[in-house]
Amino acid sequence: MNSETTSSLSRAIIEEPHRGRLELWPLPTDETFLWNLLKPLFEDYWDQITFGPLLLGAAWEVRAPNAPTRITLNNGYLTVDFGAWHFHLCIGEFSGAEPESARLRRTARAEFYRSLNKHDQPVSWGLRLYNHEGGQQMTVLLPNPLVTPDQKIAETPDWSRLALWNQLRKTHLGLDPDPVDRSSPGYNRD
């Protein structure tokens, strides 16, 4: 596995407690790979994504109010600044703490995922990042064909909303669009 693409052979389907079935594609966690993934995601697609930690008991589904005014990488931290607010995400070497503390805060696991319904049909697509303690740093929810841009359940799926997912799969996994992504009839229709 190099820092530009990873093999689809490493994908896995898991049953995650309290989350259900997920199909995962592990990604490299080096600073260069994560920078090259996250910077354009927030710079070019800020108006299409929802992001934040999705934890048992808390889901921060944030939509950016505007394009970022600045995206930087300093001392291992990606900073995405929207003007009125910003966030920091440790994706590289951080020198401002004891070595073990610096290691624990850095991204240790990154993965593309799709959530599956009881028929193994995808119903949600995204990216997840975790630190060395196993704590979730962030989930990025990608445009969903089963949900309208204003987050309502779609009457009929809008498959054009898979464009970003397909682009990310092609760029970072070397995979073409998967017909399985178009197999779900929608929420509450199975």
N, C-alpha and C. Protein backbone atom coordinates (compact mmCIF):
# COMPACT_ATOMS: atom_id res chain seq x y z
N MET A 1 0.86 -1.18 0.00
CA MET A 1 0.00 0.00 0.00
C MET A 1 0.90 1.23 0.00
N ASN A 2 0.69 2.13 -0.98
CA ASN A 2 1.47 3.37 -0.99
C ASN A 2 0.63 4.50 -0.44
N SER A 3 1.19 5.72 -0.42
CA SER A 3 0.45 6.84 0.17
C SER A 3 -0.53 7.47 -0.79
N GLU A 4 -0.61 7.00 -2.03
CA GLU A 4 -1.56 7.58 -2.99
C GLU A 4 -2.83 6.75 -3.12
N THR A 5 -2.71 5.44 -3.18
CA THR A 5 -3.89 4.58 -3.30
C THR A 5 -3.71 3.37 -2.42
N THR A 6 -4.82 2.72 -2.12
CA THR A 6 -4.81 1.49 -1.35
C THR A 6 -5.64 0.47 -2.11
N SER A 7 -5.45 -0.77 -1.87
CA SER A 7 -6.12 -1.83 -2.63
C SER A 7 -7.52 -2.10 -2.13
N SER A 8 -8.44 -2.37 -3.07
CA SER A 8 -9.79 -2.76 -2.69
C SER A 8 -9.80 -4.12 -2.02
N LEU A 9 -8.71 -4.89 -2.16
CA LEU A 9 -8.64 -6.20 -1.54
C LEU A 9 -8.66 -6.11 -0.02
N SER A 10 -8.34 -4.94 0.54
CA SER A 10 -8.30 -4.78 1.98
C SER A 10 -9.67 -4.41 2.57
N ARG A 11 -10.68 -4.31 1.73
CA ARG A 11 -12.00 -3.94 2.24
C ARG A 11 -12.55 -5.03 3.14
N ALA A 12 -13.44 -4.65 4.05
CA ALA A 12 -14.04 -5.61 4.97
C ALA A 12 -15.47 -5.21 5.25
N ILE A 13 -16.31 -6.19 5.51
CA ILE A 13 -17.66 -5.93 5.99
C ILE A 13 -17.68 -6.36 7.45
N ILE A 14 -18.10 -5.43 8.30
CA ILE A 14 -18.11 -5.70 9.74
C ILE A 14 -19.49 -5.39 10.31
N GLU A 15 -19.77 -5.95 11.45
CA GLU A 15 -20.95 -5.61 12.23
C GLU A 15 -20.45 -4.75 13.37
N GLU A 16 -20.81 -3.48 13.39
CA GLU A 16 -20.33 -2.57 14.42
C GLU A 16 -21.43 -2.38 15.46
N PRO A 17 -21.13 -2.64 16.73
CA PRO A 17 -22.15 -2.47 17.77
C PRO A 17 -22.80 -1.08 17.70
N HIS A 18 -24.10 -1.08 17.78
CA HIS A 18 -24.90 0.15 17.81
C HIS A 18 -24.87 0.92 16.49
N ARG A 19 -24.23 0.40 15.47
CA ARG A 19 -24.14 1.10 14.19
C ARG A 19 -24.64 0.24 13.04
N GLY A 20 -24.53 -1.09 13.16
CA GLY A 20 -24.98 -1.99 12.12
C GLY A 20 -23.85 -2.44 11.22
N ARG A 21 -24.23 -2.87 10.02
CA ARG A 21 -23.25 -3.40 9.07
C ARG A 21 -22.60 -2.26 8.31
N LEU A 22 -21.28 -2.36 8.20
CA LEU A 22 -20.50 -1.37 7.47
C LEU A 22 -19.53 -2.08 6.55
N GLU A 23 -19.33 -1.49 5.39
CA GLU A 23 -18.28 -1.94 4.48
C GLU A 23 -17.19 -0.89 4.55
N LEU A 24 -15.97 -1.32 4.83
CA LEU A 24 -14.85 -0.41 5.09
C LEU A 24 -13.72 -0.61 4.09
N TRP A 25 -13.07 0.51 3.75
CA TRP A 25 -11.85 0.49 2.96
C TRP A 25 -10.79 1.26 3.73
N PRO A 26 -9.84 0.58 4.38
CA PRO A 26 -8.79 1.29 5.13
C PRO A 26 -7.96 2.18 4.21
N LEU A 27 -7.54 3.31 4.77
CA LEU A 27 -6.73 4.28 4.05
C LEU A 27 -5.41 4.51 4.78
N PRO A 28 -4.39 4.96 4.08
CA PRO A 28 -3.14 5.33 4.76
C PRO A 28 -3.40 6.47 5.75
N THR A 29 -2.56 6.55 6.77
CA THR A 29 -2.73 7.60 7.79
C THR A 29 -1.54 8.53 7.86
N ASP A 30 -0.67 8.49 6.87
CA ASP A 30 0.45 9.42 6.91
C ASP A 30 -0.04 10.84 6.60
N GLU A 31 0.69 11.80 7.10
CA GLU A 31 0.31 13.22 6.99
C GLU A 31 0.08 13.64 5.55
N THR A 32 0.93 13.24 4.64
CA THR A 32 0.80 13.65 3.24
C THR A 32 -0.48 13.12 2.63
N PHE A 33 -0.79 11.84 2.84
CA PHE A 33 -2.02 11.28 2.29
C PHE A 33 -3.24 12.01 2.86
N LEU A 34 -3.29 12.16 4.19
CA LEU A 34 -4.46 12.80 4.81
C LEU A 34 -4.60 14.25 4.37
N TRP A 35 -3.50 14.98 4.26
CA TRP A 35 -3.55 16.36 3.76
C TRP A 35 -4.12 16.39 2.35
N ASN A 36 -3.64 15.50 1.48
CA ASN A 36 -4.10 15.46 0.09
C ASN A 36 -5.54 14.98 -0.05
N LEU A 37 -6.06 14.32 0.95
CA LEU A 37 -7.46 13.92 0.97
C LEU A 37 -8.34 15.02 1.57
N LEU A 38 -7.96 15.53 2.73
CA LEU A 38 -8.82 16.45 3.47
C LEU A 38 -8.83 17.88 2.91
N LYS A 39 -7.68 18.39 2.48
CA LYS A 39 -7.64 19.77 1.99
C LYS A 39 -8.61 19.97 0.83
N PRO A 40 -8.54 19.17 -0.26
CA PRO A 40 -9.51 19.40 -1.34
C PRO A 40 -10.95 19.06 -0.94
N LEU A 41 -11.12 18.12 -0.01
CA LEU A 41 -12.48 17.78 0.42
C LEU A 41 -13.16 19.00 1.04
N PHE A 42 -12.44 19.71 1.90
CA PHE A 42 -13.02 20.90 2.54
C PHE A 42 -12.93 22.13 1.64
N GLU A 43 -11.92 22.23 0.83
CA GLU A 43 -11.74 23.39 -0.05
C GLU A 43 -12.75 23.40 -1.21
N ASP A 44 -12.96 22.23 -1.81
CA ASP A 44 -13.78 22.16 -3.02
C ASP A 44 -15.20 21.64 -2.79
N TYR A 45 -15.43 20.91 -1.71
CA TYR A 45 -16.74 20.27 -1.51
C TYR A 45 -17.40 20.66 -0.18
N TRP A 46 -16.95 21.76 0.42
CA TRP A 46 -17.45 22.20 1.72
C TRP A 46 -18.97 22.31 1.74
N ASP A 47 -19.57 22.65 0.60
CA ASP A 47 -21.02 22.86 0.54
C ASP A 47 -21.80 21.57 0.30
N GLN A 48 -21.10 20.44 0.11
CA GLN A 48 -21.78 19.17 -0.15
C GLN A 48 -21.67 18.19 1.01
N ILE A 49 -20.76 18.44 1.94
CA ILE A 49 -20.49 17.48 3.01
C ILE A 49 -21.07 17.94 4.34
N THR A 50 -21.27 16.98 5.20
CA THR A 50 -21.63 17.20 6.60
C THR A 50 -20.53 16.51 7.40
N PHE A 51 -20.12 17.09 8.52
CA PHE A 51 -18.98 16.51 9.23
C PHE A 51 -19.07 16.77 10.72
N GLY A 52 -18.30 16.01 11.46
CA GLY A 52 -18.21 16.12 12.90
C GLY A 52 -18.06 14.74 13.49
N PRO A 53 -17.87 14.64 14.79
CA PRO A 53 -17.81 13.31 15.40
C PRO A 53 -19.22 12.71 15.48
N LEU A 54 -19.31 11.43 15.16
CA LEU A 54 -20.56 10.68 15.32
C LEU A 54 -20.28 9.59 16.35
N LEU A 55 -20.70 9.85 17.57
CA LEU A 55 -20.42 8.97 18.70
C LEU A 55 -21.73 8.43 19.26
N LEU A 56 -21.64 7.34 19.99
CA LEU A 56 -22.82 6.82 20.65
C LEU A 56 -23.33 7.88 21.63
N GLY A 57 -24.49 8.40 21.37
CA GLY A 57 -25.07 9.43 22.23
C GLY A 57 -24.85 10.86 21.77
N ALA A 58 -24.09 11.06 20.70
CA ALA A 58 -23.84 12.42 20.19
C ALA A 58 -23.48 12.35 18.71
N ALA A 59 -24.18 13.13 17.92
CA ALA A 59 -23.87 13.23 16.48
C ALA A 59 -23.79 14.70 16.13
N TRP A 60 -22.60 15.15 15.80
CA TRP A 60 -22.38 16.53 15.39
C TRP A 60 -22.36 16.56 13.86
N GLU A 61 -23.50 16.82 13.26
CA GLU A 61 -23.62 16.86 11.80
C GLU A 61 -23.58 18.32 11.37
N VAL A 62 -22.36 18.80 11.17
CA VAL A 62 -22.10 20.22 10.90
C VAL A 62 -22.06 20.47 9.39
N ARG A 63 -22.71 21.54 8.97
CA ARG A 63 -22.61 22.01 7.58
C ARG A 63 -21.88 23.34 7.63
N ALA A 64 -20.90 23.50 6.77
CA ALA A 64 -20.13 24.74 6.74
C ALA A 64 -21.01 25.89 6.24
N PRO A 65 -20.90 27.07 6.86
CA PRO A 65 -21.72 28.21 6.45
C PRO A 65 -21.22 28.88 5.17
N ASN A 66 -19.96 28.62 4.83
CA ASN A 66 -19.33 29.24 3.67
C ASN A 66 -18.06 28.46 3.36
N ALA A 67 -17.43 28.82 2.26
CA ALA A 67 -16.15 28.20 1.92
C ALA A 67 -15.13 28.54 3.00
N PRO A 68 -14.18 27.66 3.24
CA PRO A 68 -13.14 27.98 4.22
C PRO A 68 -12.37 29.23 3.79
N THR A 69 -12.03 30.06 4.76
CA THR A 69 -11.21 31.23 4.48
C THR A 69 -9.74 30.86 4.47
N ARG A 70 -9.44 29.70 5.10
CA ARG A 70 -8.04 29.26 5.19
C ARG A 70 -8.01 27.79 5.58
N ILE A 71 -7.11 27.04 4.94
CA ILE A 71 -6.83 25.66 5.31
C ILE A 71 -5.32 25.53 5.43
N THR A 72 -4.85 25.16 6.62
CA THR A 72 -3.41 25.10 6.86
C THR A 72 -3.01 23.78 7.51
N LEU A 73 -1.72 23.50 7.44
CA LEU A 73 -1.13 22.37 8.13
C LEU A 73 0.07 22.91 8.87
N ASN A 74 0.00 22.85 10.21
CA ASN A 74 1.07 23.40 11.03
C ASN A 74 1.31 22.48 12.23
N ASN A 75 2.55 22.03 12.40
CA ASN A 75 2.92 21.19 13.53
C ASN A 75 2.02 19.97 13.63
N GLY A 76 1.68 19.37 12.49
CA GLY A 76 0.88 18.16 12.47
C GLY A 76 -0.62 18.38 12.48
N TYR A 77 -1.05 19.60 12.69
CA TYR A 77 -2.48 19.88 12.77
C TYR A 77 -3.02 20.51 11.50
N LEU A 78 -4.05 19.87 10.94
CA LEU A 78 -4.84 20.47 9.87
C LEU A 78 -5.80 21.45 10.54
N THR A 79 -5.85 22.67 10.06
CA THR A 79 -6.82 23.65 10.55
C THR A 79 -7.68 24.09 9.38
N VAL A 80 -8.99 23.96 9.54
CA VAL A 80 -9.94 24.43 8.54
C VAL A 80 -10.71 25.57 9.19
N ASP A 81 -10.53 26.78 8.65
CA ASP A 81 -11.08 28.01 9.23
C ASP A 81 -12.20 28.53 8.34
N PHE A 82 -13.39 28.65 8.89
CA PHE A 82 -14.55 29.17 8.16
C PHE A 82 -14.84 30.63 8.50
N GLY A 83 -13.93 31.29 9.17
CA GLY A 83 -14.11 32.69 9.53
C GLY A 83 -14.67 32.83 10.93
N ALA A 84 -15.94 32.55 11.11
CA ALA A 84 -16.57 32.66 12.43
C ALA A 84 -16.17 31.52 13.36
N TRP A 85 -15.75 30.40 12.80
CA TRP A 85 -15.31 29.25 13.61
C TRP A 85 -14.35 28.40 12.78
N HIS A 86 -13.65 27.50 13.47
CA HIS A 86 -12.67 26.64 12.81
C HIS A 86 -12.53 25.34 13.60
N PHE A 87 -11.83 24.39 13.02
CA PHE A 87 -11.50 23.18 13.77
C PHE A 87 -10.07 22.77 13.46
N HIS A 88 -9.48 21.99 14.39
CA HIS A 88 -8.14 21.45 14.27
C HIS A 88 -8.23 19.93 14.30
N LEU A 89 -7.40 19.29 13.52
CA LEU A 89 -7.37 17.83 13.46
C LEU A 89 -5.92 17.40 13.36
N CYS A 90 -5.46 16.60 14.31
CA CYS A 90 -4.06 16.16 14.31
C CYS A 90 -3.89 15.00 13.33
N ILE A 91 -3.21 15.28 12.21
CA ILE A 91 -2.99 14.26 11.18
C ILE A 91 -1.50 13.95 10.98
N GLY A 92 -0.63 14.63 11.71
CA GLY A 92 0.81 14.43 11.52
C GLY A 92 1.56 14.53 12.82
N GLU A 93 2.87 14.63 12.69
CA GLU A 93 3.74 14.73 13.86
C GLU A 93 3.49 16.04 14.60
N PHE A 94 3.20 15.95 15.89
CA PHE A 94 2.97 17.12 16.74
C PHE A 94 4.08 17.18 17.78
N SER A 95 4.72 18.33 17.89
CA SER A 95 5.86 18.45 18.79
C SER A 95 5.54 19.23 20.06
N GLY A 96 4.29 19.58 20.31
CA GLY A 96 3.95 20.40 21.45
C GLY A 96 3.52 19.65 22.68
N ALA A 97 3.86 18.36 22.79
CA ALA A 97 3.45 17.56 23.95
C ALA A 97 4.49 16.48 24.19
N GLU A 98 4.34 15.79 25.31
CA GLU A 98 5.18 14.63 25.57
C GLU A 98 5.00 13.65 24.41
N PRO A 99 6.03 12.88 24.06
CA PRO A 99 5.95 12.00 22.90
C PRO A 99 4.72 11.07 22.89
N GLU A 100 4.38 10.49 24.02
CA GLU A 100 3.23 9.58 24.04
C GLU A 100 1.93 10.34 23.82
N SER A 101 1.78 11.50 24.40
CA SER A 101 0.59 12.33 24.19
C SER A 101 0.49 12.77 22.74
N ALA A 102 1.63 13.14 22.15
CA ALA A 102 1.65 13.54 20.74
C ALA A 102 1.24 12.38 19.84
N ARG A 103 1.72 11.18 20.15
CA ARG A 103 1.36 10.00 19.36
C ARG A 103 -0.12 9.68 19.46
N LEU A 104 -0.68 9.75 20.67
CA LEU A 104 -2.08 9.37 20.88
C LEU A 104 -3.06 10.27 20.14
N ARG A 105 -2.73 11.53 19.97
CA ARG A 105 -3.68 12.46 19.35
C ARG A 105 -3.71 12.37 17.83
N ARG A 106 -2.69 11.77 17.25
CA ARG A 106 -2.57 11.70 15.79
C ARG A 106 -3.51 10.64 15.18
N THR A 107 -3.95 10.88 13.95
CA THR A 107 -4.79 9.91 13.24
C THR A 107 -4.07 8.57 13.11
N ALA A 108 -4.71 7.51 13.58
CA ALA A 108 -4.14 6.16 13.50
C ALA A 108 -4.94 5.27 12.57
N ARG A 109 -6.19 5.63 12.33
CA ARG A 109 -7.05 4.82 11.45
C ARG A 109 -7.90 5.77 10.62
N ALA A 110 -7.90 5.52 9.33
CA ALA A 110 -8.73 6.29 8.41
C ALA A 110 -9.39 5.29 7.47
N GLU A 111 -10.65 5.55 7.13
CA GLU A 111 -11.36 4.60 6.27
C GLU A 111 -12.51 5.27 5.55
N PHE A 112 -12.70 4.85 4.31
CA PHE A 112 -13.94 5.14 3.63
C PHE A 112 -14.91 4.05 4.07
N TYR A 113 -16.19 4.39 4.14
CA TYR A 113 -17.17 3.38 4.53
C TYR A 113 -18.48 3.62 3.80
N ARG A 114 -19.26 2.57 3.75
CA ARG A 114 -20.66 2.71 3.40
C ARG A 114 -21.45 1.85 4.38
N SER A 115 -22.51 2.45 4.93
CA SER A 115 -23.41 1.74 5.83
C SER A 115 -24.35 0.90 4.98
N LEU A 116 -24.66 -0.29 5.47
CA LEU A 116 -25.49 -1.22 4.72
C LEU A 116 -26.80 -1.50 5.46
N ASN A 117 -27.89 -1.65 4.70
CA ASN A 117 -29.16 -2.04 5.31
C ASN A 117 -29.18 -3.56 5.49
N LYS A 118 -30.31 -4.11 5.91
CA LYS A 118 -30.38 -5.55 6.20
C LYS A 118 -30.22 -6.42 4.95
N HIS A 119 -30.31 -5.80 3.76
CA HIS A 119 -30.11 -6.52 2.51
C HIS A 119 -28.72 -6.26 1.92
N ASP A 120 -27.82 -5.68 2.73
CA ASP A 120 -26.46 -5.32 2.31
C ASP A 120 -26.45 -4.32 1.16
N GLN A 121 -27.45 -3.44 1.13
CA GLN A 121 -27.50 -2.35 0.16
C GLN A 121 -27.01 -1.08 0.86
N PRO A 122 -26.13 -0.30 0.23
CA PRO A 122 -25.62 0.91 0.86
C PRO A 122 -26.71 1.96 1.10
N VAL A 123 -26.65 2.59 2.27
CA VAL A 123 -27.60 3.65 2.61
C VAL A 123 -26.91 4.91 3.13
N SER A 124 -25.58 4.87 3.27
CA SER A 124 -24.83 6.04 3.72
C SER A 124 -23.37 5.83 3.31
N TRP A 125 -22.69 6.94 2.95
CA TRP A 125 -21.32 6.89 2.45
C TRP A 125 -20.49 7.93 3.17
N GLY A 126 -19.24 7.60 3.52
CA GLY A 126 -18.45 8.60 4.23
C GLY A 126 -17.00 8.22 4.44
N LEU A 127 -16.36 9.02 5.27
CA LEU A 127 -14.97 8.91 5.68
C LEU A 127 -14.92 9.03 7.19
N ARG A 128 -14.14 8.17 7.85
CA ARG A 128 -13.99 8.24 9.31
C ARG A 128 -12.51 8.26 9.66
N LEU A 129 -12.19 9.05 10.70
CA LEU A 129 -10.82 9.16 11.20
C LEU A 129 -10.84 8.90 12.71
N TYR A 130 -9.84 8.14 13.19
CA TYR A 130 -9.71 7.80 14.60
C TYR A 130 -8.29 8.05 15.06
N ASN A 131 -8.13 8.44 16.34
CA ASN A 131 -6.79 8.66 16.88
C ASN A 131 -6.22 7.36 17.45
N HIS A 132 -5.03 7.42 18.03
CA HIS A 132 -4.35 6.23 18.54
C HIS A 132 -5.01 5.65 19.79
N GLU A 133 -5.89 6.37 20.42
CA GLU A 133 -6.64 5.83 21.56
C GLU A 133 -7.92 5.15 21.09
N GLY A 134 -8.21 5.22 19.78
CA GLY A 134 -9.44 4.65 19.25
C GLY A 134 -10.60 5.62 19.29
N GLY A 135 -10.34 6.86 19.71
CA GLY A 135 -11.39 7.87 19.75
C GLY A 135 -11.64 8.45 18.36
N GLN A 136 -12.89 8.63 18.06
CA GLN A 136 -13.21 9.18 16.75
C GLN A 136 -12.82 10.65 16.68
N GLN A 137 -12.06 11.01 15.66
CA GLN A 137 -11.71 12.40 15.43
C GLN A 137 -12.80 13.09 14.60
N MET A 138 -13.26 12.42 13.55
CA MET A 138 -14.26 13.05 12.69
C MET A 138 -14.84 12.00 11.74
N THR A 139 -16.10 12.22 11.40
CA THR A 139 -16.75 11.54 10.29
C THR A 139 -17.13 12.60 9.29
N VAL A 140 -16.91 12.31 8.02
CA VAL A 140 -17.38 13.18 6.94
C VAL A 140 -18.46 12.40 6.21
N LEU A 141 -19.69 12.90 6.28
CA LEU A 141 -20.81 12.28 5.57
C LEU A 141 -20.85 12.87 4.16
N LEU A 142 -20.76 11.99 3.18
CA LEU A 142 -20.76 12.43 1.79
C LEU A 142 -22.19 12.58 1.28
N PRO A 143 -22.36 13.30 0.16
CA PRO A 143 -23.72 13.43 -0.39
C PRO A 143 -24.36 12.05 -0.55
N ASN A 144 -25.61 11.96 -0.15
CA ASN A 144 -26.32 10.70 -0.09
C ASN A 144 -27.47 10.74 -1.10
N PRO A 145 -27.53 9.80 -2.03
CA PRO A 145 -28.60 9.80 -3.03
C PRO A 145 -29.98 9.50 -2.44
N LEU A 146 -30.02 9.00 -1.21
CA LEU A 146 -31.30 8.66 -0.59
C LEU A 146 -31.84 9.81 0.26
N VAL A 147 -31.07 10.91 0.32
CA VAL A 147 -31.42 12.08 1.12
C VAL A 147 -31.26 13.31 0.24
N THR A 148 -32.16 14.26 0.38
CA THR A 148 -32.07 15.50 -0.39
C THR A 148 -30.96 16.38 0.19
N PRO A 149 -30.51 17.38 -0.57
CA PRO A 149 -29.48 18.28 -0.03
C PRO A 149 -29.89 18.97 1.29
N ASP A 150 -31.19 19.12 1.54
CA ASP A 150 -31.62 19.72 2.81
C ASP A 150 -31.95 18.65 3.86
N GLN A 151 -31.40 17.44 3.68
CA GLN A 151 -31.43 16.37 4.67
C GLN A 151 -32.82 15.75 4.90
N LYS A 152 -33.66 15.75 3.89
CA LYS A 152 -34.96 15.07 3.95
C LYS A 152 -34.84 13.75 3.19
N ILE A 153 -35.63 12.76 3.57
CA ILE A 153 -35.63 11.49 2.85
C ILE A 153 -36.13 11.74 1.44
N ALA A 154 -35.37 11.29 0.44
CA ALA A 154 -35.72 11.52 -0.96
C ALA A 154 -36.87 10.60 -1.38
N GLU A 155 -37.77 11.14 -2.18
CA GLU A 155 -38.86 10.34 -2.74
C GLU A 155 -38.30 9.22 -3.62
N THR A 156 -37.34 9.58 -4.46
CA THR A 156 -36.63 8.62 -5.30
C THR A 156 -35.14 8.94 -5.18
N PRO A 157 -34.30 7.93 -5.24
CA PRO A 157 -32.85 8.19 -5.13
C PRO A 157 -32.34 9.10 -6.25
N ASP A 158 -31.44 9.99 -5.90
CA ASP A 158 -30.76 10.86 -6.87
C ASP A 158 -29.32 10.36 -6.97
N TRP A 159 -29.08 9.46 -7.93
CA TRP A 159 -27.79 8.80 -8.04
C TRP A 159 -26.66 9.76 -8.40
N SER A 160 -26.98 10.95 -8.89
CA SER A 160 -25.92 11.92 -9.19
C SER A 160 -25.20 12.35 -7.91
N ARG A 161 -25.84 12.15 -6.76
CA ARG A 161 -25.23 12.52 -5.48
C ARG A 161 -24.12 11.55 -5.06
N LEU A 162 -23.86 10.52 -5.87
CA LEU A 162 -22.73 9.62 -5.62
C LEU A 162 -21.45 10.12 -6.27
N ALA A 163 -21.50 11.24 -6.97
CA ALA A 163 -20.34 11.73 -7.73
C ALA A 163 -19.09 11.89 -6.85
N LEU A 164 -19.22 12.50 -5.69
CA LEU A 164 -18.06 12.70 -4.82
C LEU A 164 -17.53 11.36 -4.31
N TRP A 165 -18.41 10.46 -3.88
CA TRP A 165 -18.01 9.12 -3.45
C TRP A 165 -17.23 8.42 -4.56
N ASN A 166 -17.78 8.46 -5.77
CA ASN A 166 -17.11 7.81 -6.90
C ASN A 166 -15.75 8.43 -7.19
N GLN A 167 -15.66 9.75 -7.09
CA GLN A 167 -14.38 10.43 -7.31
C GLN A 167 -13.36 10.04 -6.26
N LEU A 168 -13.76 10.01 -4.99
CA LEU A 168 -12.85 9.63 -3.91
C LEU A 168 -12.39 8.18 -4.05
N ARG A 169 -13.31 7.29 -4.41
CA ARG A 169 -12.94 5.88 -4.63
C ARG A 169 -11.92 5.76 -5.75
N LYS A 170 -12.15 6.48 -6.84
CA LYS A 170 -11.24 6.41 -7.99
C LYS A 170 -9.86 6.97 -7.63
N THR A 171 -9.86 8.16 -7.01
CA THR A 171 -8.61 8.84 -6.68
C THR A 171 -7.79 8.10 -5.63
N HIS A 172 -8.43 7.63 -4.57
CA HIS A 172 -7.69 7.11 -3.42
C HIS A 172 -7.68 5.59 -3.29
N LEU A 173 -8.60 4.91 -4.00
CA LEU A 173 -8.63 3.45 -3.95
C LEU A 173 -8.37 2.82 -5.30
N GLY A 174 -8.41 3.64 -6.37
CA GLY A 174 -8.23 3.11 -7.71
C GLY A 174 -9.43 2.30 -8.19
N LEU A 175 -10.61 2.56 -7.63
CA LEU A 175 -11.81 1.80 -7.95
C LEU A 175 -12.79 2.61 -8.80
N ASP A 176 -13.38 1.95 -9.77
CA ASP A 176 -14.43 2.55 -10.58
C ASP A 176 -15.74 2.54 -9.80
N PRO A 177 -16.76 3.27 -10.29
CA PRO A 177 -18.06 3.23 -9.62
C PRO A 177 -18.56 1.79 -9.47
N ASP A 178 -19.23 1.53 -8.38
CA ASP A 178 -19.72 0.20 -8.04
C ASP A 178 -21.24 0.17 -8.20
N PRO A 179 -21.79 -0.69 -9.05
CA PRO A 179 -23.25 -0.77 -9.21
C PRO A 179 -23.99 -1.05 -7.90
N VAL A 180 -23.31 -1.67 -6.94
CA VAL A 180 -23.93 -1.93 -5.63
C VAL A 180 -24.39 -0.63 -4.98
N ASP A 181 -23.66 0.48 -5.24
CA ASP A 181 -24.04 1.76 -4.64
C ASP A 181 -25.43 2.22 -5.07
N ARG A 182 -25.93 1.70 -6.18
CA ARG A 182 -27.25 2.10 -6.69
C ARG A 182 -28.32 1.04 -6.42
N SER A 183 -28.05 0.15 -5.48
CA SER A 183 -28.96 -0.97 -5.26
C SER A 183 -30.06 -0.71 -4.23
N SER A 184 -29.92 0.27 -3.39
CA SER A 184 -30.92 0.52 -2.35
C SER A 184 -32.13 1.24 -2.94
N PRO A 185 -33.33 0.79 -2.61
CA PRO A 185 -34.53 1.50 -3.08
C PRO A 185 -34.79 2.79 -2.30
N GLY A 186 -34.06 3.00 -1.21
CA GLY A 186 -34.25 4.19 -0.38
C GLY A 186 -34.55 3.79 1.05
N TYR A 187 -34.61 4.79 1.91
CA TYR A 187 -34.93 4.54 3.30
C TYR A 187 -36.38 4.13 3.44
N ASN A 188 -36.65 3.22 4.35
CA ASN A 188 -38.00 2.75 4.66
C ASN A 188 -38.71 2.14 3.45
N ARG A 189 -37.96 1.62 2.47
CA ARG A 189 -38.58 1.02 1.30
C ARG A 189 -38.10 -0.41 1.10
N ASP A 190 -37.39 -0.95 2.04
CA ASP A 190 -36.89 -2.31 1.85
C ASP A 190 -37.85 -3.25 2.49
